Amino acid sequence: MRALINNSDKFGVMANVLCMAHCLATPLLFISQAHNSTLAHEIPFLWQLMNYFFLLISFIAVYFSIKKSTKIFVKIFLMIFWLSLSFLIINEGLEGFHIPELFTYLSATSLSFLHIYNLKYCSCEDEECCVQKN
């Protein structure tokens, strides 16, 4: 857990990239299993559970990245894009209204870029730099 806290931006990028790979692989799973009548357009439980696992890891990464970030706009956008990604994934899991997958990929990609930006330009090395001096 300590590694996640200390490297939250790296874990955030990793979780978002793995989430996108998971989402891209889902159609391939259905194509490869097309001959199997028992699958019948239902997503296997463990495969769907991975969505929520990635959301949890992503939330932890966003939480600690927000705590370490020195830029208020990065903090705000990290939370906005995490909330939008969460909404899109939960909506898909509950089979709510149809939203194109493109928005899920855009949210995950934006989160990844924000984590990279935060890692490169906005992260604190110690607790004192996190205090805004305005």
C-alpha atoms as a PDB file:
ATOM      1  CA  MET A   1       0.000   0.000   0.000  1.00  0.00           C
ATOM      2  CA  ARG A   2       2.902   2.319   0.760  1.00  0.00           C
ATOM      3  CA  ALA A   3       4.211   1.899  -2.796  1.00  0.00           C
ATOM      4  CA  LEU A   4       0.825   2.970  -4.138  1.00  0.00           C
ATOM      5  CA  ILE A   5       0.769   6.053  -1.913  1.00  0.00           C
ATOM      6  CA  ASN A   6       4.314   7.091  -2.838  1.00  0.00           C
ATOM      7  CA  ASN A   7       3.852   6.426  -6.565  1.00  0.00           C
ATOM      8  CA  SER A   8       0.195   7.316  -6.983  1.00  0.00           C
ATOM      9  CA  ASP A   9       0.653   8.993 -10.362  1.00  0.00           C
ATOM     10  CA  LYS A  10       2.507   5.991 -11.777  1.00  0.00           C
ATOM     11  CA  PHE A  11      -0.166   3.634 -10.445  1.00  0.00           C
ATOM     12  CA  GLY A  12      -2.854   5.939 -11.837  1.00  0.00           C
ATOM     13  CA  VAL A  13      -1.359   5.810 -15.319  1.00  0.00           C
ATOM     14  CA  MET A  14      -0.930   2.043 -15.070  1.00  0.00           C
ATOM     15  CA  ALA A  15      -4.505   1.501 -13.853  1.00  0.00           C
ATOM     16  CA  ASN A  16      -5.966   3.673 -16.620  1.00  0.00           C
ATOM     17  CA  VAL A  17      -3.917   2.026 -19.358  1.00  0.00           C
ATOM     18  CA  LEU A  18      -4.865  -1.438 -18.079  1.00  0.00           C
ATOM     19  CA  CYS A  19      -8.500  -0.337 -17.878  1.00  0.00           C
ATOM     20  CA  MET A  20      -8.421   0.795 -21.513  1.00  0.00           C
ATOM     21  CA  ALA A  21      -6.746  -2.468 -22.567  1.00  0.00           C
ATOM     22  CA  HIS A  22      -9.440  -4.363 -20.652  1.00  0.00           C
ATOM     23  CA  CYS A  23     -12.162  -2.388 -22.440  1.00  0.00           C
ATOM     24  CA  LEU A  24     -10.549  -2.948 -25.821  1.00  0.00           C
ATOM     25  CA  ALA A  25     -10.146  -6.671 -25.152  1.00  0.00           C
ATOM     26  CA  THR A  26     -13.812  -7.193 -24.256  1.00  0.00           C
ATOM     27  CA  PRO A  27     -15.036  -7.288 -27.876  1.00  0.00           C
ATOM     28  CA  LEU A  28     -12.192  -9.673 -28.724  1.00  0.00           C
ATOM     29  CA  LEU A  29     -13.386 -11.962 -25.937  1.00  0.00           C
ATOM     30  CA  PHE A  30     -16.847 -12.092 -27.501  1.00  0.00           C
ATOM     31  CA  ILE A  31     -15.491 -12.655 -30.995  1.00  0.00           C
ATOM     32  CA  SER A  32     -13.245 -15.482 -29.839  1.00  0.00           C
ATOM     33  CA  GLN A  33     -16.142 -17.067 -27.956  1.00  0.00           C
ATOM     34  CA  ALA A  34     -18.753 -16.527 -30.696  1.00  0.00           C
ATOM     35  CA  HIS A  35     -19.119 -20.243 -31.247  1.00  0.00           C
ATOM     36  CA  ASN A  36     -19.876 -20.814 -27.560  1.00  0.00           C
ATOM     37  CA  SER A  37     -23.641 -20.574 -27.082  1.00  0.00           C
ATOM     38  CA  THR A  38     -23.353 -20.489 -23.283  1.00  0.00           C
ATOM     39  CA  LEU A  39     -21.775 -17.015 -23.376  1.00  0.00           C
ATOM     40  CA  ALA A  40     -24.808 -15.508 -25.145  1.00  0.00           C
ATOM     41  CA  HIS A  41     -23.794 -11.851 -24.974  1.00  0.00           C
ATOM     42  CA  GLU A  42     -23.310 -11.858 -21.221  1.00  0.00           C
ATOM     43  CA  ILE A  43     -20.071 -10.573 -19.795  1.00  0.00           C
ATOM     44  CA  PRO A  44     -18.456 -13.068 -17.391  1.00  0.00           C
ATOM     45  CA  PHE A  45     -18.703 -11.905 -13.777  1.00  0.00           C
ATOM     46  CA  LEU A  46     -14.954 -11.838 -13.100  1.00  0.00           C
ATOM     47  CA  TRP A  47     -14.316  -9.944 -16.330  1.00  0.00           C
ATOM     48  CA  GLN A  48     -16.890  -7.311 -15.334  1.00  0.00           C
ATOM     49  CA  LEU A  49     -15.529  -7.207 -11.775  1.00  0.00           C
ATOM     50  CA  MET A  50     -12.215  -6.025 -13.205  1.00  0.00           C
ATOM     51  CA  ASN A  51     -13.912  -2.725 -14.143  1.00  0.00           C
ATOM     52  CA  TYR A  52     -14.569  -1.985 -10.494  1.00  0.00           C
ATOM     53  CA  PHE A  53     -11.112  -3.159  -9.439  1.00  0.00           C
ATOM     54  CA  PHE A  54      -9.566  -0.641 -11.861  1.00  0.00           C
ATOM     55  CA  LEU A  55     -11.912   2.057 -10.536  1.00  0.00           C
ATOM     56  CA  LEU A  56     -10.811   1.350  -6.975  1.00  0.00           C
ATOM     57  CA  ILE A  57      -7.097   1.459  -7.829  1.00  0.00           C
ATOM     58  CA  SER A  58      -7.705   4.583  -9.899  1.00  0.00           C
ATOM     59  CA  PHE A  59      -9.559   6.259  -7.015  1.00  0.00           C
ATOM     60  CA  ILE A  60      -6.717   5.539  -4.594  1.00  0.00           C
ATOM     61  CA  ALA A  61      -4.211   6.899  -7.126  1.00  0.00           C
ATOM     62  CA  VAL A  62      -6.295  10.039  -7.717  1.00  0.00           C
ATOM     63  CA  TYR A  63      -6.780  10.585  -3.984  1.00  0.00           C
ATOM     64  CA  PHE A  64      -3.064  10.493  -3.204  1.00  0.00           C
ATOM     65  CA  SER A  65      -2.133  12.412  -6.346  1.00  0.00           C
ATOM     66  CA  ILE A  66      -4.517  15.174  -5.306  1.00  0.00           C
ATOM     67  CA  LYS A  67      -2.893  15.271  -1.877  1.00  0.00           C
ATOM     68  CA  LYS A  68       0.583  15.619  -3.428  1.00  0.00           C
ATOM     69  CA  SER A  69      -0.271  17.980  -6.278  1.00  0.00           C
ATOM     70  CA  THR A  70       0.664  21.659  -6.111  1.00  0.00           C
ATOM     71  CA  LYS A  71      -1.697  22.786  -8.897  1.00  0.00           C
ATOM     72  CA  ILE A  72      -5.359  23.337  -8.066  1.00  0.00           C
ATOM     73  CA  PHE A  73      -6.493  22.838 -11.677  1.00  0.00           C
ATOM     74  CA  VAL A  74      -4.820  19.408 -11.752  1.00  0.00           C
ATOM     75  CA  LYS A  75      -6.603  18.438  -8.540  1.00  0.00           C
ATOM     76  CA  ILE A  76      -9.954  19.539  -9.946  1.00  0.00           C
ATOM     77  CA  PHE A  77      -9.512  17.813 -13.302  1.00  0.00           C
ATOM     78  CA  LEU A  78      -8.240  14.591 -11.726  1.00  0.00           C
ATOM     79  CA  MET A  79     -11.443  14.392  -9.703  1.00  0.00           C
ATOM     80  CA  ILE A  80     -13.692  15.427 -12.619  1.00  0.00           C
ATOM     81  CA  PHE A  81     -12.244  12.817 -14.969  1.00  0.00           C
ATOM     82  CA  TRP A  82     -12.294  10.116 -12.299  1.00  0.00           C
ATOM     83  CA  LEU A  83     -15.953  10.878 -11.554  1.00  0.00           C
ATOM     84  CA  SER A  84     -16.818  10.833 -15.257  1.00  0.00           C
ATOM     85  CA  LEU A  85     -14.974   7.533 -15.765  1.00  0.00           C
ATOM     86  CA  SER A  86     -16.739   6.067 -12.731  1.00  0.00           C
ATOM     87  CA  PHE A  87     -20.127   7.207 -13.985  1.00  0.00           C
ATOM     88  CA  LEU A  88     -19.487   5.752 -17.433  1.00  0.00           C
ATOM     89  CA  ILE A  89     -18.305   2.382 -16.108  1.00  0.00           C
ATOM     90  CA  ILE A  90     -21.096   2.068 -13.535  1.00  0.00           C
ATOM     91  CA  ASN A  91     -23.663   3.120 -16.150  1.00  0.00           C
ATOM     92  CA  GLU A  92     -22.352   0.432 -18.487  1.00  0.00           C
ATOM     93  CA  GLY A  93     -22.380  -2.187 -15.720  1.00  0.00           C
ATOM     94  CA  LEU A  94     -25.967  -1.367 -14.775  1.00  0.00           C
ATOM     95  CA  GLU A  95     -26.916  -1.245 -18.449  1.00  0.00           C
ATOM     96  CA  GLY A  96     -28.295   2.273 -18.121  1.00  0.00           C
ATOM     97  CA  PHE A  97     -28.573   4.510 -21.129  1.00  0.00           C
ATOM     98  CA  HIS A  98     -26.231   4.020 -24.073  1.00  0.00           C
ATOM     99  CA  ILE A  99     -23.128   6.215 -24.116  1.00  0.00           C
ATOM    100  CA  PRO A 100     -20.484   5.559 -26.790  1.00  0.00           C
ATOM    101  CA  GLU A 101     -17.323   3.835 -25.537  1.00  0.00           C
ATOM    102  CA  LEU A 102     -15.329   6.758 -26.900  1.00  0.00           C
ATOM    103  CA  PHE A 103     -16.225   8.789 -23.806  1.00  0.00           C
ATOM    104  CA  THR A 104     -14.884   6.078 -21.512  1.00  0.00           C
ATOM    105  CA  TYR A 105     -11.611   5.992 -23.443  1.00  0.00           C
ATOM    106  CA  LEU A 106     -11.386   9.806 -23.390  1.00  0.00           C
ATOM    107  CA  SER A 107     -11.888   9.895 -19.622  1.00  0.00           C
ATOM    108  CA  ALA A 108      -9.279   7.191 -18.987  1.00  0.00           C
ATOM    109  CA  THR A 109      -6.812   8.811 -21.396  1.00  0.00           C
ATOM    110  CA  SER A 110      -7.331  12.224 -19.807  1.00  0.00           C
ATOM    111  CA  LEU A 111      -6.736  10.751 -16.355  1.00  0.00           C
ATOM    112  CA  SER A 112      -3.516   9.146 -17.583  1.00  0.00           C
ATOM    113  CA  PHE A 113      -2.254  12.400 -19.077  1.00  0.00           C
ATOM    114  CA  LEU A 114      -3.142  14.306 -15.910  1.00  0.00           C
ATOM    115  CA  HIS A 115      -1.223  11.783 -13.806  1.00  0.00           C
ATOM    116  CA  ILE A 116       1.786  12.137 -16.125  1.00  0.00           C
ATOM    117  CA  TYR A 117       1.551  15.933 -16.009  1.00  0.00           C
ATOM    118  CA  ASN A 118       1.209  15.864 -12.230  1.00  0.00           C
ATOM    119  CA  LEU A 119       4.173  13.505 -11.903  1.00  0.00           C
ATOM    120  CA  LYS A 120       6.370  15.686 -14.080  1.00  0.00           C
ATOM    121  CA  TYR A 121       5.358  19.212 -13.036  1.00  0.00           C
ATOM    122  CA  CYS A 122       3.189  19.317  -9.915  1.00  0.00           C
ATOM    123  CA  SER A 123       4.150  16.673  -7.355  1.00  0.00           C
ATOM    124  CA  CYS A 124       5.486  17.431  -3.916  1.00  0.00           C
ATOM    125  CA  GLU A 125       8.581  15.718  -2.666  1.00  0.00           C
ATOM    126  CA  ASP A 126       7.746  16.373   0.988  1.00  0.00           C
ATOM    127  CA  GLU A 127       4.772  17.465   3.075  1.00  0.00           C
ATOM    128  CA  GLU A 128       5.783  21.161   3.279  1.00  0.00           C
ATOM    129  CA  CYS A 129       5.496  21.886  -0.437  1.00  0.00           C
ATOM    130  CA  CYS A 130       1.851  20.821  -0.428  1.00  0.00           C
ATOM    131  CA  VAL A 131       0.831  23.918   1.488  1.00  0.00           C
ATOM    132  CA  GLN A 132      -0.361  26.620  -0.892  1.00  0.00           C
ATOM    133  CA  LYS A 133       1.411  29.894  -0.237  1.00  0.00           C
ATOM    134  CA  ASN A 134      -1.139  32.422  -1.534  1.00  0.00           C
END
